[in-house]
Amino acid sequence: MGAALLGSVLAILYCAPPGAVTAEAFRQSLRYGWRGVLGIEIGSVIGDTVYGLVAMAGVSALLRFRWMHLAMGLVGAFLLFYLAYAAFRQSRVSFVPQGMATPRSFWEAFGVGALMSLANPMGIAFWVSFGSTVIAGYLHHPTVTDIWIFFSGFVAGCLLYGIGMTVLLTYLRRFVTPRVFQTVSIACGIALAGFGTYMGLTLI
């Protein structure tokens, strides 16, 4: 398997499990449409890319300090609880928002997606453990070029996944009734609060 293809496959496996980013992307799709989803997804890719670069540069050793890991976890948990609050507040709306999705909403969603990804210490843990294992196991005696090709494939895979999720969630939005809108908003709020609680418990 080529380095680029291997990186793309790993990206899909990394992004596919439903998590906080998926929940927030679904919520954004109800509020802003495709711009909101795309902003969340592309923002999360930026965070994943930064963590990959950090791991490859060897700076991941910083996270061995307890205070660094604790600080990042607290920021991530706070952000998830805030997004859960926003989802519950959104569920009180008695109609499906049909307002214009302005470019500003994309950048707001982009910032949220990037913060969610950067505030999650599991990103660097993924690269240090599973990511490095895959590189060592499948790229025998990799050169610097091989590693960068692999990393480029990973970023490309994340982008493709994000675009695919944007298309899927935008398509599903047309079937959303007011009752479904409220139910989904509450479900996303519960999911985000759950992820925030889990992140907080892992810090104890």
Protein backbone atom coordinates (compact mmCIF):
# COMPACT_ATOMS: atom_id res chain seq x y z
CA MET A 1 0.00 0.00 0.00
CA GLY A 2 1.43 3.38 -1.00
CA ALA A 3 2.22 5.95 1.66
CA ALA A 4 -0.43 8.41 0.43
CA LEU A 5 -3.17 5.75 0.26
CA LEU A 6 -2.20 4.44 3.68
CA GLY A 7 -2.46 7.95 5.11
CA SER A 8 -5.89 8.46 3.53
CA VAL A 9 -7.21 5.14 4.89
CA LEU A 10 -5.91 6.00 8.35
CA ALA A 11 -7.63 9.41 8.13
CA ILE A 12 -11.00 7.79 7.40
CA LEU A 13 -10.57 5.39 10.33
CA TYR A 14 -9.63 8.35 12.53
CA CYS A 15 -12.54 10.57 11.48
CA ALA A 16 -15.33 8.02 11.00
CA PRO A 17 -16.27 7.11 14.61
CA PRO A 18 -19.08 9.48 15.69
CA GLY A 19 -17.89 11.98 18.25
CA ALA A 20 -18.20 15.54 19.43
CA VAL A 21 -17.23 16.97 16.02
CA THR A 22 -19.97 14.95 14.31
CA ALA A 23 -22.56 16.07 16.86
CA GLU A 24 -21.62 19.72 16.45
CA ALA A 25 -21.51 19.40 12.66
CA PHE A 26 -25.06 18.01 12.69
CA ARG A 27 -26.20 20.89 14.89
CA GLN A 28 -24.55 23.42 12.60
CA SER A 29 -26.20 21.83 9.57
CA LEU A 30 -29.62 22.56 11.09
CA ARG A 31 -28.73 26.15 11.84
CA TYR A 32 -26.58 27.29 8.91
CA GLY A 33 -26.77 24.56 6.29
CA TRP A 34 -23.72 23.40 4.36
CA ARG A 35 -21.52 26.35 5.37
CA GLY A 36 -21.85 25.45 9.04
CA VAL A 37 -20.97 21.78 8.46
CA LEU A 38 -18.07 22.56 6.16
CA GLY A 39 -16.71 25.09 8.65
CA ILE A 40 -16.75 22.55 11.49
CA GLU A 41 -15.20 19.80 9.36
CA ILE A 42 -12.45 21.94 7.81
CA GLY A 43 -11.70 23.50 11.19
CA SER A 44 -11.27 20.07 12.75
CA VAL A 45 -8.90 19.11 9.91
CA ILE A 46 -6.74 22.11 10.78
CA GLY A 47 -6.51 20.88 14.36
CA ASP A 48 -5.68 17.33 13.27
CA THR A 49 -3.01 18.67 10.91
CA VAL A 50 -1.42 20.77 13.64
CA TYR A 51 -1.27 17.78 15.97
CA GLY A 52 0.25 15.64 13.26
CA LEU A 53 2.93 18.24 12.61
CA VAL A 54 3.59 18.59 16.33
CA ALA A 55 3.98 14.84 16.73
CA MET A 56 6.27 14.59 13.71
CA ALA A 57 8.39 17.43 15.07
CA GLY A 58 8.81 15.62 18.37
CA VAL A 59 7.16 18.38 20.37
CA SER A 60 4.69 15.80 21.70
CA ALA A 61 7.10 15.27 24.58
CA LEU A 62 5.59 18.42 26.07
CA LEU A 63 2.40 16.55 26.81
CA ARG A 64 4.30 14.30 29.19
CA PHE A 65 3.99 17.18 31.63
CA ARG A 66 0.88 16.66 33.71
CA TRP A 67 -0.04 20.35 33.79
CA MET A 68 -0.03 20.59 29.97
CA HIS A 69 -2.32 17.60 29.56
CA LEU A 70 -4.61 18.88 32.34
CA ALA A 71 -4.84 22.39 30.86
CA MET A 72 -5.76 21.11 27.40
CA GLY A 73 -8.31 18.70 28.83
CA LEU A 74 -9.99 21.41 30.88
CA VAL A 75 -10.24 23.72 27.88
CA GLY A 76 -11.69 20.91 25.78
CA ALA A 77 -14.26 19.93 28.44
CA PHE A 78 -15.34 23.56 28.93
CA LEU A 79 -15.77 24.01 25.16
CA LEU A 80 -17.89 20.85 24.86
CA PHE A 81 -20.14 21.91 27.75
CA TYR A 82 -20.57 25.34 26.17
CA LEU A 83 -21.57 23.75 22.86
CA ALA A 84 -23.98 21.46 24.73
CA TYR A 85 -25.57 24.55 26.29
CA ALA A 86 -25.86 26.12 22.82
CA ALA A 87 -27.54 22.97 21.52
CA PHE A 88 -30.09 22.90 24.35
CA ARG A 89 -30.80 26.60 23.81
CA GLN A 90 -31.27 25.95 20.09
CA SER A 91 -33.78 23.18 20.86
CA ARG A 92 -36.12 25.78 22.38
CA VAL A 93 -36.68 27.30 18.94
CA SER A 94 -40.08 26.17 17.63
CA PHE A 95 -39.11 26.14 13.96
CA VAL A 96 -36.31 25.06 11.66
CA PRO A 97 -34.07 28.08 10.98
CA GLN A 98 -34.23 29.02 7.32
CA GLY A 99 -32.12 32.15 7.58
CA MET A 100 -29.36 32.98 5.16
CA ALA A 101 -26.07 31.26 5.94
CA THR A 102 -23.56 34.09 5.62
CA PRO A 103 -19.81 33.64 5.19
CA ARG A 104 -19.47 34.84 8.78
CA SER A 105 -21.27 31.70 9.99
CA PHE A 106 -18.71 29.57 8.11
CA TRP A 107 -15.81 31.24 9.89
CA GLU A 108 -17.53 30.95 13.26
CA ALA A 109 -18.06 27.23 12.63
CA PHE A 110 -14.47 26.93 11.35
CA GLY A 111 -13.17 28.44 14.59
CA VAL A 112 -15.30 26.10 16.69
CA GLY A 113 -14.12 23.05 14.74
CA ALA A 114 -10.47 24.04 15.08
CA LEU A 115 -10.85 24.71 18.82
CA MET A 116 -12.62 21.39 19.37
CA SER A 117 -9.79 19.55 17.63
CA LEU A 118 -6.95 21.49 19.25
CA ALA A 119 -8.46 21.27 22.75
CA ASN A 120 -8.67 17.48 22.56
CA PRO A 121 -5.43 15.92 23.89
CA MET A 122 -6.45 12.61 22.33
CA GLY A 123 -5.31 13.96 18.98
CA ILE A 124 -1.65 13.95 19.91
CA ALA A 125 -2.08 10.62 21.71
CA PHE A 126 -3.38 9.15 18.45
CA TRP A 127 -0.29 10.24 16.54
CA VAL A 128 2.17 9.20 19.21
CA SER A 129 0.63 5.73 19.60
CA PHE A 130 -1.48 4.41 16.73
CA GLY A 131 -0.19 6.73 14.01
CA SER A 132 3.45 6.00 14.68
CA THR A 133 2.70 2.27 14.91
CA VAL A 134 1.07 2.30 11.47
CA ILE A 135 4.00 4.17 9.95
CA ALA A 136 6.49 1.75 11.43
CA GLY A 137 4.45 -1.34 10.57
CA TYR A 138 3.47 -0.58 6.99
CA LEU A 139 6.19 1.75 5.76
CA HIS A 140 9.31 -0.35 6.17
CA HIS A 141 12.38 1.86 6.69
CA PRO A 142 10.46 5.02 5.70
CA THR A 143 12.38 7.99 4.41
CA VAL A 144 11.53 11.59 5.25
CA THR A 145 9.80 11.82 1.88
CA ASP A 146 7.68 8.73 2.63
CA ILE A 147 6.56 10.19 5.94
CA TRP A 148 5.56 13.51 4.37
CA ILE A 149 3.69 11.72 1.57
CA PHE A 150 1.90 9.66 4.21
CA PHE A 151 1.01 12.80 6.15
CA SER A 152 -0.24 14.54 3.00
CA GLY A 153 -2.45 11.54 2.30
CA PHE A 154 -3.81 11.75 5.84
CA VAL A 155 -4.73 15.42 5.44
CA ALA A 156 -6.31 14.71 2.04
CA GLY A 157 -8.34 11.86 3.57
CA CYS A 158 -9.59 14.14 6.35
CA LEU A 159 -10.63 16.76 3.81
CA LEU A 160 -12.48 14.19 1.68
CA TYR A 161 -14.26 12.88 4.77
CA GLY A 162 -15.24 16.43 5.75
CA ILE A 163 -16.63 17.17 2.29
CA GLY A 164 -18.53 13.88 2.32
CA MET A 165 -20.07 14.68 5.71
CA THR A 166 -21.01 18.14 4.46
CA VAL A 167 -22.89 16.64 1.50
CA LEU A 168 -24.58 13.99 3.67
CA LEU A 169 -25.72 16.28 6.48
CA THR A 170 -26.86 18.98 4.04
CA TYR A 171 -28.96 16.37 2.21
CA LEU A 172 -30.48 15.07 5.47
CA ARG A 173 -31.40 18.61 6.49
CA ARG A 174 -34.25 18.72 3.97
CA PHE A 175 -36.10 16.02 5.93
CA VAL A 176 -35.96 17.94 9.21
CA THR A 177 -39.34 18.98 10.61
CA PRO A 178 -39.71 21.32 13.61
CA ARG A 179 -40.12 18.32 15.96
CA VAL A 180 -37.09 16.56 14.45
CA PHE A 181 -35.12 19.81 14.72
CA GLN A 182 -35.79 20.04 18.44
CA THR A 183 -35.12 16.34 19.01
CA VAL A 184 -31.83 16.41 17.13
CA SER A 185 -30.73 19.57 18.96
CA ILE A 186 -31.42 17.93 22.33
CA ALA A 187 -29.66 14.72 21.24
CA CYS A 188 -26.61 16.71 20.11
CA GLY A 189 -26.62 18.60 23.41
CA ILE A 190 -26.69 15.34 25.38
CA ALA A 191 -23.91 13.89 23.22
CA LEU A 192 -21.71 16.98 23.61
CA ALA A 193 -22.29 17.06 27.37
CA GLY A 194 -21.45 13.36 27.51
CA PHE A 195 -18.19 13.84 25.64
CA GLY A 196 -17.35 16.79 27.89
CA THR A 197 -18.04 14.68 30.99
CA TYR A 198 -15.91 11.84 29.66
CA MET A 199 -13.05 14.19 28.90
CA GLY A 200 -13.32 15.66 32.39
CA LEU A 201 -13.32 12.21 34.03
CA THR A 202 -10.20 11.19 32.11
CA LEU A 203 -8.38 14.08 33.81
CA ILE A 204 -9.10 12.72 37.30
